[in-house]
Amino acid sequence: MPTGVALRDAREQLFAAAERVLLRGGPNALTSRAVTDEAGCAKGVLHRHFADFDAFLAELVLDRIARLDDLPLHDRAGTGTVADNLAAALTEVFGPVAVAVVGLVTFRDGLRARLRAAGLPGIPLLAQAATAVAAYLAAERDLGRIAPDADTDSLALSLIGSAHLLFAGGNGPPPAVEVRRIATAVVERALIHVAR
């Protein structure tokens, strides 16, 4: 590998390379050598920016979690139908990279330990998605489109768990009609009938 070749935004280039390796070969294929080869840089570039490979992976996961903050789900409250809004959000959350990152977190003990140390227990991407969905459902409840006694946290966990199984269980994303069917089934009893 060439040395001395400057990378613009090395972190993002390394993250993008890691995603490509992860999508192509799964968690087992994700090594520091595979990432730097994919990025077209020397292995030392990764270690110049990160203490070790697990630190790199933890930063990758944290970066991808931060992207959930850009999920416009809360802005959808009061518009369209609740089920359609949830189906669109679940499709955004469970893109191929997110599903692969969830697999990566479950695959690597060292990565999970670093994420726990950063205050993110469990499977962080799923937990943050559940928090975003629960906040959206609470906003819909405040607008009167969901029953006042609806347990938005439990509904969110049900949606995230169901969607994860749906998206991770096949070859490629499921049909949109399946995602909407899951969203509808989970929130059906909580919806105020006139707001559907």
N, C-alpha and C. Protein backbone atom coordinates (compact mmCIF):
# COMPACT_ATOMS: atom_id res chain seq x y z
N MET A 1 0.83 -1.18 0.00
CA MET A 1 0.00 0.00 0.00
C MET A 1 0.88 1.24 0.00
N PRO A 2 0.47 2.24 -0.70
CA PRO A 2 1.26 3.47 -0.70
C PRO A 2 1.21 4.15 0.66
N THR A 3 2.31 4.73 1.03
CA THR A 3 2.32 5.53 2.24
C THR A 3 2.49 6.97 1.83
N GLY A 4 2.10 7.85 2.69
CA GLY A 4 2.26 9.27 2.39
C GLY A 4 1.19 9.82 1.47
N VAL A 5 0.15 9.00 1.13
CA VAL A 5 -0.95 9.49 0.31
C VAL A 5 -1.98 10.10 1.25
N ALA A 6 -2.25 11.37 1.08
CA ALA A 6 -3.18 12.06 1.97
C ALA A 6 -4.61 11.66 1.65
N LEU A 7 -5.36 11.39 2.68
CA LEU A 7 -6.78 11.11 2.52
C LEU A 7 -7.56 12.31 3.02
N ARG A 8 -8.51 12.75 2.24
CA ARG A 8 -9.42 13.78 2.72
C ARG A 8 -10.44 13.10 3.62
N ASP A 9 -10.65 13.67 4.77
CA ASP A 9 -11.59 13.11 5.73
C ASP A 9 -11.37 11.61 5.88
N ALA A 10 -10.20 11.26 6.39
CA ALA A 10 -9.79 9.86 6.51
C ALA A 10 -10.81 9.04 7.29
N ARG A 11 -11.36 9.61 8.37
CA ARG A 11 -12.33 8.86 9.17
C ARG A 11 -13.52 8.42 8.31
N GLU A 12 -14.09 9.36 7.58
CA GLU A 12 -15.27 9.02 6.78
C GLU A 12 -14.92 8.05 5.67
N GLN A 13 -13.75 8.19 5.07
CA GLN A 13 -13.34 7.25 4.03
C GLN A 13 -13.14 5.85 4.61
N LEU A 14 -12.56 5.77 5.80
CA LEU A 14 -12.39 4.48 6.45
C LEU A 14 -13.74 3.89 6.85
N PHE A 15 -14.64 4.73 7.35
CA PHE A 15 -15.98 4.25 7.70
C PHE A 15 -16.70 3.71 6.45
N ALA A 16 -16.62 4.44 5.36
CA ALA A 16 -17.27 4.00 4.12
C ALA A 16 -16.66 2.68 3.63
N ALA A 17 -15.35 2.56 3.74
CA ALA A 17 -14.68 1.32 3.34
C ALA A 17 -15.14 0.17 4.23
N ALA A 18 -15.25 0.41 5.53
CA ALA A 18 -15.70 -0.63 6.46
C ALA A 18 -17.11 -1.08 6.11
N GLU A 19 -17.98 -0.13 5.77
CA GLU A 19 -19.35 -0.49 5.40
C GLU A 19 -19.36 -1.38 4.16
N ARG A 20 -18.54 -1.05 3.17
CA ARG A 20 -18.50 -1.87 1.94
C ARG A 20 -18.01 -3.28 2.26
N VAL A 21 -16.97 -3.39 3.08
CA VAL A 21 -16.46 -4.72 3.46
C VAL A 21 -17.53 -5.48 4.23
N LEU A 22 -18.17 -4.81 5.17
CA LEU A 22 -19.21 -5.43 6.00
C LEU A 22 -20.37 -5.93 5.14
N LEU A 23 -20.81 -5.11 4.20
CA LEU A 23 -21.94 -5.50 3.34
C LEU A 23 -21.55 -6.65 2.41
N ARG A 24 -20.33 -6.64 1.96
CA ARG A 24 -19.88 -7.66 1.02
C ARG A 24 -19.58 -8.98 1.72
N GLY A 25 -18.93 -8.93 2.87
CA GLY A 25 -18.45 -10.16 3.49
C GLY A 25 -18.94 -10.46 4.89
N GLY A 26 -19.72 -9.56 5.48
CA GLY A 26 -20.22 -9.78 6.82
C GLY A 26 -19.18 -9.45 7.89
N PRO A 27 -19.56 -9.59 9.16
CA PRO A 27 -18.68 -9.22 10.26
C PRO A 27 -17.35 -9.97 10.28
N ASN A 28 -17.36 -11.21 9.83
CA ASN A 28 -16.15 -12.01 9.82
C ASN A 28 -15.09 -11.44 8.88
N ALA A 29 -15.52 -10.79 7.83
CA ALA A 29 -14.58 -10.25 6.84
C ALA A 29 -14.00 -8.90 7.26
N LEU A 30 -14.57 -8.30 8.29
CA LEU A 30 -14.18 -6.95 8.68
C LEU A 30 -12.93 -7.00 9.56
N THR A 31 -11.80 -6.72 8.94
CA THR A 31 -10.52 -6.63 9.63
C THR A 31 -9.90 -5.28 9.30
N SER A 32 -8.91 -4.90 10.08
CA SER A 32 -8.25 -3.61 9.79
C SER A 32 -7.59 -3.65 8.42
N ARG A 33 -7.01 -4.79 8.06
CA ARG A 33 -6.38 -4.92 6.74
C ARG A 33 -7.43 -4.80 5.64
N ALA A 34 -8.57 -5.45 5.81
CA ALA A 34 -9.62 -5.38 4.79
C ALA A 34 -10.11 -3.95 4.61
N VAL A 35 -10.26 -3.24 5.73
CA VAL A 35 -10.74 -1.85 5.66
C VAL A 35 -9.73 -0.96 4.96
N THR A 36 -8.47 -1.05 5.35
CA THR A 36 -7.47 -0.17 4.73
C THR A 36 -7.23 -0.54 3.27
N ASP A 37 -7.28 -1.83 2.96
CA ASP A 37 -7.17 -2.22 1.55
C ASP A 37 -8.32 -1.63 0.74
N GLU A 38 -9.53 -1.72 1.29
CA GLU A 38 -10.72 -1.18 0.62
C GLU A 38 -10.61 0.34 0.46
N ALA A 39 -10.06 1.00 1.47
CA ALA A 39 -9.90 2.46 1.42
C ALA A 39 -8.72 2.88 0.56
N GLY A 40 -7.86 1.93 0.21
CA GLY A 40 -6.69 2.25 -0.61
C GLY A 40 -5.63 3.02 0.15
N CYS A 41 -5.45 2.68 1.42
CA CYS A 41 -4.45 3.38 2.22
C CYS A 41 -3.65 2.39 3.04
N ALA A 42 -2.59 2.87 3.63
CA ALA A 42 -1.76 2.04 4.49
C ALA A 42 -2.50 1.74 5.79
N LYS A 43 -2.20 0.60 6.39
CA LYS A 43 -2.85 0.20 7.63
C LYS A 43 -2.59 1.22 8.74
N GLY A 44 -1.45 1.88 8.69
CA GLY A 44 -1.11 2.87 9.70
C GLY A 44 -2.06 4.05 9.73
N VAL A 45 -2.74 4.32 8.62
CA VAL A 45 -3.69 5.44 8.59
C VAL A 45 -4.81 5.19 9.60
N LEU A 46 -5.30 3.97 9.64
CA LEU A 46 -6.36 3.65 10.59
C LEU A 46 -5.85 3.84 12.02
N HIS A 47 -4.65 3.36 12.28
CA HIS A 47 -4.12 3.44 13.64
C HIS A 47 -3.66 4.85 14.01
N ARG A 48 -3.50 5.70 13.05
CA ARG A 48 -3.19 7.10 13.34
C ARG A 48 -4.43 7.84 13.86
N HIS A 49 -5.59 7.39 13.43
CA HIS A 49 -6.84 8.06 13.81
C HIS A 49 -7.58 7.36 14.95
N PHE A 50 -7.27 6.09 15.20
CA PHE A 50 -7.98 5.31 16.21
C PHE A 50 -6.98 4.49 17.02
N ALA A 51 -7.26 4.32 18.31
CA ALA A 51 -6.34 3.60 19.20
C ALA A 51 -6.13 2.15 18.77
N ASP A 52 -7.19 1.50 18.34
CA ASP A 52 -7.11 0.13 17.84
C ASP A 52 -8.35 -0.14 16.99
N PHE A 53 -8.47 -1.37 16.50
CA PHE A 53 -9.55 -1.66 15.57
C PHE A 53 -10.92 -1.62 16.26
N ASP A 54 -11.01 -2.10 17.50
CA ASP A 54 -12.29 -2.01 18.20
C ASP A 54 -12.69 -0.56 18.45
N ALA A 55 -11.70 0.32 18.70
CA ALA A 55 -12.01 1.75 18.85
C ALA A 55 -12.55 2.31 17.53
N PHE A 56 -11.97 1.88 16.42
CA PHE A 56 -12.46 2.28 15.10
C PHE A 56 -13.91 1.82 14.91
N LEU A 57 -14.17 0.54 15.23
CA LEU A 57 -15.52 0.00 15.05
C LEU A 57 -16.52 0.71 15.96
N ALA A 58 -16.12 1.01 17.19
CA ALA A 58 -17.01 1.73 18.10
C ALA A 58 -17.36 3.10 17.53
N GLU A 59 -16.37 3.79 17.00
CA GLU A 59 -16.64 5.11 16.39
C GLU A 59 -17.54 4.98 15.16
N LEU A 60 -17.34 3.93 14.39
CA LEU A 60 -18.22 3.68 13.24
C LEU A 60 -19.66 3.51 13.70
N VAL A 61 -19.89 2.69 14.72
CA VAL A 61 -21.24 2.46 15.23
C VAL A 61 -21.81 3.76 15.79
N LEU A 62 -21.02 4.49 16.57
CA LEU A 62 -21.50 5.75 17.13
C LEU A 62 -21.87 6.75 16.04
N ASP A 63 -21.08 6.78 14.98
CA ASP A 63 -21.37 7.67 13.86
C ASP A 63 -22.68 7.28 13.19
N ARG A 64 -22.91 6.00 13.01
CA ARG A 64 -24.13 5.54 12.36
C ARG A 64 -25.34 5.76 13.27
N ILE A 65 -25.15 5.63 14.59
CA ILE A 65 -26.23 5.93 15.53
C ILE A 65 -26.60 7.41 15.46
N ALA A 66 -25.59 8.27 15.37
CA ALA A 66 -25.83 9.71 15.29
C ALA A 66 -26.68 10.07 14.09
N ARG A 67 -26.61 9.27 13.05
CA ARG A 67 -27.42 9.54 11.86
C ARG A 67 -28.91 9.35 12.12
N LEU A 68 -29.24 8.59 13.18
CA LEU A 68 -30.65 8.44 13.54
C LEU A 68 -31.24 9.77 14.00
N ASP A 69 -30.38 10.67 14.47
CA ASP A 69 -30.86 12.00 14.86
C ASP A 69 -31.42 12.76 13.67
N ASP A 70 -30.98 12.39 12.47
CA ASP A 70 -31.44 13.05 11.25
C ASP A 70 -32.73 12.43 10.71
N LEU A 71 -33.19 11.36 11.37
CA LEU A 71 -34.42 10.71 10.95
C LEU A 71 -35.58 11.69 11.14
N PRO A 72 -36.28 12.06 10.09
CA PRO A 72 -37.32 13.09 10.21
C PRO A 72 -38.64 12.57 10.77
N LEU A 73 -38.58 11.53 11.56
CA LEU A 73 -39.80 10.90 12.07
C LEU A 73 -40.63 11.85 12.91
N HIS A 74 -40.00 12.57 13.81
CA HIS A 74 -40.74 13.47 14.69
C HIS A 74 -41.47 14.55 13.87
N ASP A 75 -40.86 14.98 12.77
CA ASP A 75 -41.48 15.99 11.91
C ASP A 75 -42.73 15.46 11.20
N ARG A 76 -42.89 14.15 11.16
CA ARG A 76 -44.04 13.56 10.47
C ARG A 76 -45.28 13.50 11.35
N ALA A 77 -45.12 13.74 12.64
CA ALA A 77 -46.26 13.65 13.55
C ALA A 77 -47.37 14.58 13.08
N GLY A 78 -48.59 14.03 13.02
CA GLY A 78 -49.75 14.81 12.61
C GLY A 78 -49.97 14.85 11.11
N THR A 79 -49.08 14.24 10.34
CA THR A 79 -49.22 14.22 8.88
C THR A 79 -49.38 12.78 8.41
N GLY A 80 -49.98 12.60 7.25
CA GLY A 80 -50.12 11.25 6.71
C GLY A 80 -50.82 10.33 7.69
N THR A 81 -50.56 9.03 7.55
CA THR A 81 -51.10 8.07 8.51
C THR A 81 -49.97 7.62 9.41
N VAL A 82 -50.31 7.23 10.61
CA VAL A 82 -49.31 6.76 11.57
C VAL A 82 -48.59 5.54 11.01
N ALA A 83 -49.34 4.59 10.47
CA ALA A 83 -48.73 3.37 9.94
C ALA A 83 -47.78 3.68 8.78
N ASP A 84 -48.18 4.58 7.88
CA ASP A 84 -47.30 4.93 6.76
C ASP A 84 -46.03 5.63 7.26
N ASN A 85 -46.17 6.52 8.24
CA ASN A 85 -45.01 7.20 8.79
C ASN A 85 -44.06 6.21 9.44
N LEU A 86 -44.62 5.27 10.19
CA LEU A 86 -43.78 4.26 10.84
C LEU A 86 -43.10 3.36 9.82
N ALA A 87 -43.84 2.95 8.82
CA ALA A 87 -43.26 2.08 7.79
C ALA A 87 -42.10 2.79 7.08
N ALA A 88 -42.27 4.06 6.76
CA ALA A 88 -41.20 4.81 6.11
C ALA A 88 -39.99 4.93 7.03
N ALA A 89 -40.23 5.20 8.30
CA ALA A 89 -39.13 5.34 9.25
C ALA A 89 -38.40 4.02 9.44
N LEU A 90 -39.13 2.93 9.55
CA LEU A 90 -38.50 1.63 9.73
C LEU A 90 -37.66 1.26 8.52
N THR A 91 -38.13 1.61 7.34
CA THR A 91 -37.36 1.36 6.12
C THR A 91 -36.08 2.17 6.12
N GLU A 92 -36.15 3.41 6.60
CA GLU A 92 -34.95 4.25 6.70
C GLU A 92 -33.98 3.70 7.74
N VAL A 93 -34.50 3.31 8.89
CA VAL A 93 -33.65 2.82 9.98
C VAL A 93 -32.95 1.53 9.58
N PHE A 94 -33.68 0.61 8.98
CA PHE A 94 -33.15 -0.72 8.70
C PHE A 94 -32.63 -0.87 7.28
N GLY A 95 -31.84 0.11 6.86
CA GLY A 95 -31.14 -0.04 5.59
C GLY A 95 -30.10 -1.14 5.71
N PRO A 96 -29.50 -1.55 4.61
CA PRO A 96 -28.54 -2.65 4.64
C PRO A 96 -27.36 -2.42 5.60
N VAL A 97 -26.88 -1.18 5.68
CA VAL A 97 -25.75 -0.91 6.57
C VAL A 97 -26.17 -1.08 8.02
N ALA A 98 -27.33 -0.59 8.40
CA ALA A 98 -27.79 -0.71 9.78
C ALA A 98 -27.96 -2.17 10.17
N VAL A 99 -28.54 -2.97 9.31
CA VAL A 99 -28.71 -4.40 9.61
C VAL A 99 -27.34 -5.05 9.77
N ALA A 100 -26.39 -4.68 8.92
CA ALA A 100 -25.04 -5.24 9.02
C ALA A 100 -24.34 -4.77 10.30
N VAL A 101 -24.56 -3.52 10.69
CA VAL A 101 -23.95 -3.00 11.91
C VAL A 101 -24.50 -3.73 13.13
N VAL A 102 -25.80 -4.01 13.14
CA VAL A 102 -26.38 -4.77 14.26
C VAL A 102 -25.70 -6.14 14.35
N GLY A 103 -25.50 -6.79 13.21
CA GLY A 103 -24.80 -8.07 13.20
C GLY A 103 -23.37 -7.93 13.71
N LEU A 104 -22.72 -6.86 13.33
CA LEU A 104 -21.35 -6.61 13.78
C LEU A 104 -21.28 -6.45 15.29
N VAL A 105 -22.21 -5.70 15.86
CA VAL A 105 -22.22 -5.48 17.31
C VAL A 105 -22.43 -6.80 18.05
N THR A 106 -23.30 -7.64 17.54
CA THR A 106 -23.53 -8.92 18.21
C THR A 106 -22.36 -9.87 18.01
N PHE A 107 -21.58 -9.69 16.97
CA PHE A 107 -20.47 -10.58 16.61
C PHE A 107 -19.21 -10.30 17.42
N ARG A 108 -18.96 -9.05 17.79
CA ARG A 108 -17.68 -8.67 18.40
C ARG A 108 -17.83 -8.27 19.86
N ASP A 109 -17.30 -9.11 20.74
CA ASP A 109 -17.36 -8.85 22.18
C ASP A 109 -16.66 -7.54 22.54
N GLY A 110 -15.48 -7.30 21.97
CA GLY A 110 -14.72 -6.09 22.29
C GLY A 110 -15.47 -4.83 21.90
N LEU A 111 -16.18 -4.89 20.80
CA LEU A 111 -16.97 -3.75 20.35
C LEU A 111 -18.12 -3.49 21.33
N ARG A 112 -18.83 -4.55 21.73
CA ARG A 112 -19.92 -4.38 22.69
C ARG A 112 -19.40 -3.79 24.00
N ALA A 113 -18.22 -4.23 24.44
CA ALA A 113 -17.64 -3.70 25.69
C ALA A 113 -17.36 -2.21 25.55
N ARG A 114 -16.82 -1.79 24.42
CA ARG A 114 -16.55 -0.36 24.21
C ARG A 114 -17.83 0.45 24.16
N LEU A 115 -18.84 -0.09 23.53
CA LEU A 115 -20.11 0.63 23.45
C LEU A 115 -20.77 0.73 24.82
N ARG A 116 -20.68 -0.34 25.61
CA ARG A 116 -21.19 -0.27 26.99
C ARG A 116 -20.44 0.79 27.78
N ALA A 117 -19.12 0.84 27.61
CA ALA A 117 -18.30 1.84 28.32
C ALA A 117 -18.69 3.26 27.89
N ALA A 118 -19.20 3.40 26.68
CA ALA A 118 -19.65 4.71 26.18
C ALA A 118 -21.08 5.01 26.62
N GLY A 119 -21.66 4.12 27.44
CA GLY A 119 -23.01 4.34 27.94
C GLY A 119 -24.10 3.81 27.03
N LEU A 120 -23.75 2.88 26.15
CA LEU A 120 -24.73 2.34 25.21
C LEU A 120 -24.86 0.83 25.40
N PRO A 121 -25.71 0.40 26.32
CA PRO A 121 -25.87 -1.04 26.55
C PRO A 121 -26.72 -1.69 25.47
N GLY A 122 -26.70 -3.00 25.47
CA GLY A 122 -27.52 -3.75 24.52
C GLY A 122 -27.02 -3.59 23.09
N ILE A 123 -27.94 -3.51 22.17
CA ILE A 123 -27.61 -3.30 20.76
C ILE A 123 -27.95 -1.85 20.46
N PRO A 124 -26.94 -0.97 20.52
CA PRO A 124 -27.20 0.48 20.49
C PRO A 124 -28.06 0.97 19.33
N LEU A 125 -27.80 0.57 18.13
CA LEU A 125 -28.56 1.09 17.00
C LEU A 125 -30.05 0.81 17.18
N LEU A 126 -30.37 -0.38 17.66
CA LEU A 126 -31.77 -0.74 17.87
C LEU A 126 -32.37 0.07 19.02
N ALA A 127 -31.59 0.27 20.08
CA ALA A 127 -32.09 1.03 21.22
C ALA A 127 -32.37 2.48 20.84
N GLN A 128 -31.48 3.09 20.06
CA GLN A 128 -31.70 4.48 19.66
C GLN A 128 -32.89 4.59 18.70
N ALA A 129 -33.04 3.60 17.82
CA ALA A 129 -34.20 3.60 16.92
C ALA A 129 -35.49 3.48 17.72
N ALA A 130 -35.49 2.64 18.75
CA ALA A 130 -36.69 2.48 19.58
C ALA A 130 -37.02 3.79 20.30
N THR A 131 -36.00 4.49 20.75
CA THR A 131 -36.22 5.78 21.41
C THR A 131 -36.84 6.78 20.45
N ALA A 132 -36.34 6.82 19.21
CA ALA A 132 -36.89 7.75 18.20
C ALA A 132 -38.34 7.40 17.87
N VAL A 133 -38.63 6.12 17.73
CA VAL A 133 -40.00 5.69 17.41
C VAL A 133 -40.93 6.00 18.58
N ALA A 134 -40.47 5.75 19.81
CA ALA A 134 -41.31 6.04 20.98
C ALA A 134 -41.61 7.53 21.07
N ALA A 135 -40.63 8.37 20.77
CA ALA A 135 -40.86 9.82 20.80
C ALA A 135 -41.88 10.23 19.74
N TYR A 136 -41.79 9.62 18.56
CA TYR A 136 -42.77 9.91 17.50
C TYR A 136 -44.18 9.49 17.96
N LEU A 137 -44.28 8.28 18.51
CA LEU A 137 -45.58 7.80 18.96
C LEU A 137 -46.14 8.68 20.08
N ALA A 138 -45.28 9.15 20.96
CA ALA A 138 -45.73 10.06 22.02
C ALA A 138 -46.25 11.37 21.42
N ALA A 139 -45.58 11.85 20.38
CA ALA A 139 -46.04 13.07 19.71
C ALA A 139 -47.40 12.85 19.07
N GLU A 140 -47.59 11.69 18.46
CA GLU A 140 -48.90 11.36 17.87
C GLU A 140 -49.96 11.23 18.96
N ARG A 141 -49.59 10.69 20.11
CA ARG A 141 -50.52 10.59 21.23
C ARG A 141 -50.92 11.99 21.70
N ASP A 142 -49.93 12.89 21.78
CA ASP A 142 -50.22 14.27 22.19
C ASP A 142 -51.14 14.97 21.20
N LEU A 143 -51.06 14.58 19.94
CA LEU A 143 -51.92 15.17 18.91
C LEU A 143 -53.30 14.50 18.83
N GLY A 144 -53.49 13.46 19.64
CA GLY A 144 -54.78 12.78 19.67
C GLY A 144 -54.97 11.74 18.59
N ARG A 145 -53.90 11.34 17.93
CA ARG A 145 -54.02 10.32 16.88
C ARG A 145 -53.76 8.92 17.41
N ILE A 146 -53.26 8.84 18.63
CA ILE A 146 -53.04 7.56 19.32
C ILE A 146 -53.70 7.68 20.69
N ALA A 147 -54.24 6.58 21.17
CA ALA A 147 -54.98 6.57 22.44
C ALA A 147 -54.14 7.15 23.58
N PRO A 148 -54.77 7.90 24.47
CA PRO A 148 -54.05 8.54 25.57
C PRO A 148 -53.35 7.56 26.49
N ASP A 149 -53.86 6.33 26.58
CA ASP A 149 -53.25 5.34 27.48
C ASP A 149 -52.29 4.40 26.75
N ALA A 150 -51.96 4.70 25.51
CA ALA A 150 -51.05 3.84 24.74
C ALA A 150 -49.65 3.84 25.36
N ASP A 151 -49.07 2.65 25.49
CA ASP A 151 -47.71 2.49 26.01
C ASP A 151 -46.75 2.64 24.83
N THR A 152 -46.34 3.86 24.58
CA THR A 152 -45.52 4.14 23.39
C THR A 152 -44.16 3.45 23.44
N ASP A 153 -43.60 3.28 24.62
CA ASP A 153 -42.31 2.59 24.72
C ASP A 153 -42.44 1.13 24.30
N SER A 154 -43.48 0.46 24.77
CA SER A 154 -43.69 -0.95 24.40
C SER A 154 -44.01 -1.09 22.92
N LEU A 155 -44.83 -0.18 22.41
CA LEU A 155 -45.13 -0.20 20.98
C LEU A 155 -43.85 -0.03 20.15
N ALA A 156 -42.99 0.89 20.58
CA ALA A 156 -41.74 1.13 19.85
C ALA A 156 -40.85 -0.11 19.87
N LEU A 157 -40.73 -0.75 21.02
CA LEU A 157 -39.92 -1.97 21.09
C LEU A 157 -40.49 -3.07 20.19
N SER A 158 -41.81 -3.20 20.17
CA SER A 158 -42.45 -4.19 19.30
C SER A 158 -42.17 -3.89 17.84
N LEU A 159 -42.26 -2.62 17.47
CA LEU A 159 -41.99 -2.22 16.08
C LEU A 159 -40.55 -2.50 15.68
N ILE A 160 -39.61 -2.12 16.55
CA ILE A 160 -38.19 -2.30 16.23
C ILE A 160 -37.85 -3.78 16.16
N GLY A 161 -38.32 -4.56 17.12
CA GLY A 161 -38.04 -6.00 17.09
C GLY A 161 -38.63 -6.68 15.87
N SER A 162 -39.87 -6.36 15.56
CA SER A 162 -40.52 -6.96 14.39
C SER A 162 -39.82 -6.54 13.10
N ALA A 163 -39.50 -5.26 13.00
CA ALA A 163 -38.84 -4.77 11.79
C ALA A 163 -37.45 -5.39 11.64
N HIS A 164 -36.73 -5.50 12.74
CA HIS A 164 -35.40 -6.10 12.65
C HIS A 164 -35.48 -7.53 12.12
N LEU A 165 -36.41 -8.31 12.63
CA LEU A 165 -36.58 -9.68 12.14
C LEU A 165 -36.97 -9.68 10.66
N LEU A 166 -37.82 -8.76 10.28
CA LEU A 166 -38.26 -8.68 8.89
C LEU A 166 -37.11 -8.30 7.96
N PHE A 167 -36.34 -7.29 8.34
CA PHE A 167 -35.27 -6.81 7.47
C PHE A 167 -34.04 -7.72 7.48
N ALA A 168 -33.75 -8.34 8.62
CA ALA A 168 -32.55 -9.17 8.72
C ALA A 168 -32.80 -10.59 8.25
N GLY A 169 -34.05 -10.94 8.03
CA GLY A 169 -34.37 -12.33 7.73
C GLY A 169 -34.31 -12.73 6.27
N GLY A 170 -34.10 -11.82 5.37
CA GLY A 170 -34.14 -12.19 3.96
C GLY A 170 -32.95 -11.70 3.19
N ASN A 171 -33.05 -11.83 1.91
CA ASN A 171 -32.01 -11.34 1.00
C ASN A 171 -32.47 -10.01 0.44
N GLY A 172 -32.04 -8.95 1.08
CA GLY A 172 -32.44 -7.62 0.65
C GLY A 172 -33.65 -7.15 1.43
N PRO A 173 -34.01 -5.90 1.22
CA PRO A 173 -35.13 -5.33 1.99
C PRO A 173 -36.45 -6.00 1.62
N PRO A 174 -37.35 -6.11 2.60
CA PRO A 174 -38.66 -6.70 2.33
C PRO A 174 -39.51 -5.74 1.51
N PRO A 175 -40.56 -6.24 0.88
CA PRO A 175 -41.47 -5.36 0.15
C PRO A 175 -42.10 -4.33 1.09
N ALA A 176 -42.34 -3.15 0.57
CA ALA A 176 -42.92 -2.06 1.37
C ALA A 176 -44.25 -2.48 1.99
N VAL A 177 -45.02 -3.29 1.30
CA VAL A 177 -46.32 -3.71 1.81
C VAL A 177 -46.14 -4.54 3.09
N GLU A 178 -45.05 -5.31 3.17
CA GLU A 178 -44.79 -6.10 4.38
C GLU A 178 -44.41 -5.21 5.55
N VAL A 179 -43.62 -4.18 5.30
CA VAL A 179 -43.22 -3.26 6.35
C VAL A 179 -44.45 -2.53 6.88
N ARG A 180 -45.31 -2.10 5.97
CA ARG A 180 -46.53 -1.40 6.40
C ARG A 180 -47.46 -2.34 7.16
N ARG A 181 -47.52 -3.60 6.75
CA ARG A 181 -48.37 -4.58 7.44
C ARG A 181 -47.91 -4.74 8.89
N ILE A 182 -46.60 -4.82 9.10
CA ILE A 182 -46.05 -4.95 10.46
C ILE A 182 -46.38 -3.69 11.27
N ALA A 183 -46.13 -2.53 10.69
CA ALA A 183 -46.40 -1.26 11.39
C ALA A 183 -47.87 -1.16 11.77
N THR A 184 -48.75 -1.52 10.86
CA THR A 184 -50.19 -1.46 11.12
C THR A 184 -50.58 -2.45 12.22
N ALA A 185 -50.06 -3.66 12.15
CA ALA A 185 -50.42 -4.69 13.13
C ALA A 185 -50.00 -4.28 14.54
N VAL A 186 -48.85 -3.67 14.67
CA VAL A 186 -48.36 -3.30 15.99
C VAL A 186 -49.15 -2.14 16.59
N VAL A 187 -49.49 -1.14 15.80
CA VAL A 187 -50.14 0.05 16.38
C VAL A 187 -51.66 0.09 16.21
N GLU A 188 -52.22 -0.90 15.54
CA GLU A 188 -53.65 -0.89 15.21
C GLU A 188 -54.56 -0.59 16.41
N ARG A 189 -54.34 -1.25 17.52
CA ARG A 189 -55.24 -1.07 18.66
C ARG A 189 -55.03 0.26 19.37
N ALA A 190 -53.88 0.88 19.15
CA ALA A 190 -53.60 2.16 19.81
C ALA A 190 -54.12 3.36 19.01
N LEU A 191 -54.43 3.13 17.74
CA LEU A 191 -54.86 4.25 16.89
C LEU A 191 -56.26 4.72 17.26
N ILE A 192 -56.45 6.01 17.21
CA ILE A 192 -57.77 6.58 17.35
C ILE A 192 -58.42 6.40 15.98
N HIS A 193 -59.57 5.78 15.91
CA HIS A 193 -60.15 5.35 14.64
C HIS A 193 -60.35 6.46 13.63
N VAL A 194 -60.69 7.65 14.05
CA VAL A 194 -60.91 8.72 13.06
C VAL A 194 -59.60 9.21 12.46
N ALA A 195 -58.44 8.88 13.06
CA ALA A 195 -57.17 9.42 12.59
C ALA A 195 -56.44 8.49 11.65
N ARG A 196 -56.96 7.32 11.39
CA ARG A 196 -56.25 6.37 10.54
C ARG A 196 -56.17 6.89 9.15
